[in-house]
Protein backbone atom coordinates (compact mmCIF):
# COMPACT_ATOMS: atom_id res chain seq x y z
CA MET A 1 44.25 -25.23 -4.07
CA GLU A 2 42.70 -27.21 -1.20
CA ASN A 3 41.44 -23.84 0.37
CA LEU A 4 39.98 -22.62 -2.94
CA GLY A 5 37.93 -25.77 -3.32
CA PHE A 6 36.74 -25.59 0.32
CA GLY A 7 35.85 -21.90 -0.17
CA LEU A 8 33.78 -22.57 -3.35
CA GLN A 9 31.96 -25.52 -1.57
CA LEU A 10 31.18 -23.24 1.41
CA MET A 11 29.90 -20.55 -0.98
CA ILE A 12 27.78 -22.93 -2.71
CA VAL A 13 26.29 -24.35 0.49
CA GLY A 14 25.67 -20.82 1.86
CA MET A 15 23.91 -19.58 -1.42
CA THR A 16 21.79 -22.61 -1.50
CA THR A 17 20.76 -22.17 2.19
CA VAL A 18 19.97 -18.57 1.68
CA PHE A 19 17.81 -19.49 -1.55
CA LEU A 20 15.93 -22.16 0.31
CA ILE A 21 15.19 -19.85 3.28
CA LEU A 22 13.89 -17.17 0.92
CA LEU A 23 11.65 -19.72 -0.75
CA ILE A 24 10.32 -20.77 2.62
CA VAL A 25 9.57 -17.04 3.47
CA ILE A 26 7.86 -16.36 0.16
CA TYR A 27 5.63 -19.52 0.22
CA GLY A 28 5.04 -19.11 4.00
CA GLY A 29 3.80 -15.53 3.30
CA LYS A 30 1.52 -16.63 0.50
CA LEU A 31 0.19 -19.33 2.62
CA LEU A 32 -0.41 -16.88 5.55
CA ILE A 33 -2.30 -14.48 3.23
CA ALA A 34 -4.48 -17.21 1.86
CA VAL A 35 -5.43 -18.43 5.43
CA VAL A 36 -6.21 -14.99 6.67
CA ASN A 37 -8.23 -14.21 3.58
CA ARG A 38 -10.22 -17.53 4.07
CA ILE A 39 -10.81 -16.76 7.71
CA ALA A 40 -11.60 -13.09 7.57
CA PRO A 41 -12.37 -12.02 3.96
CA GLU A 42 -12.52 -8.26 3.10
CA GLU A 43 -16.05 -6.82 3.01
CA VAL A 44 -16.06 -5.55 -0.67
CA ALA A 45 -19.89 -4.99 -0.98
CA ALA A 46 -20.13 -2.57 1.81
CA ALA A 47 -17.29 -0.45 0.70
CA LYS A 48 -18.67 -0.16 -2.88
CA LYS A 49 -22.02 0.88 -1.48
CA SER A 50 -20.53 3.66 0.74
CA ILE A 51 -18.44 4.93 -2.11
CA ALA A 52 -21.48 4.95 -4.35
CA ALA A 53 -23.55 6.82 -1.83
CA LYS A 54 -20.85 9.48 -1.36
CA SER A 55 -20.43 10.04 -5.04
CA GLN A 56 -24.24 10.60 -5.55
CA SER A 57 -24.43 13.19 -2.71
CA GLY A 58 -23.40 16.00 -5.00
CA SER A 59 -20.43 17.27 -6.82
CA GLU A 60 -19.56 20.12 -4.45
CA VAL A 61 -17.73 19.85 -1.15
CA ASP A 62 -19.03 21.43 2.10
CA ALA A 63 -17.82 24.62 3.51
CA SER A 64 -15.55 23.21 6.19
CA THR A 65 -13.73 20.95 3.66
CA MET A 66 -13.28 23.91 1.38
CA ALA A 67 -11.77 25.99 4.24
CA VAL A 68 -9.41 23.26 5.11
CA LEU A 69 -8.27 22.83 1.41
CA SER A 70 -7.81 26.63 1.08
CA GLU A 71 -5.66 26.79 4.13
CA VAL A 72 -3.56 23.90 3.11
CA VAL A 73 -2.96 25.48 -0.32
CA ARG A 74 -2.14 28.74 1.40
CA GLN A 75 0.46 27.17 3.67
CA ILE A 76 2.10 25.19 0.94
CA THR A 77 2.30 27.94 -1.56
CA GLY A 78 3.20 30.64 1.03
CA GLY A 79 0.09 32.67 0.37
CA LYS A 80 0.66 32.77 -3.41
CA GLY A 81 -1.81 30.02 -4.37
CA ARG A 82 -5.66 29.92 -4.01
CA VAL A 83 -8.45 27.46 -4.55
CA GLU A 84 -10.99 28.44 -7.08
CA SER A 85 -13.11 25.35 -7.28
CA VAL A 86 -13.29 21.93 -5.83
CA ARG A 87 -15.37 18.99 -7.01
CA LYS A 88 -15.43 15.29 -6.06
CA VAL A 89 -14.26 12.85 -8.66
């Protein structure tokens, strides 16, 4: 019975230690993310402008992109598939 009590005590100490270390890792990661975001914030405005400019350039893709897409479809489908039309979404 003495060994059983010692085993349970050791299990509780070990599980508590693992739980506390996991909490430290989680909150340390959140702190690191907050610090990095405060020091070097992501440039959201520039990304939105470039996406908007690309979407207004037209609905069709250029010839080189169409050729690449056609070749990829041909290789994946073993020559059985083909690209009829492509448009930007």
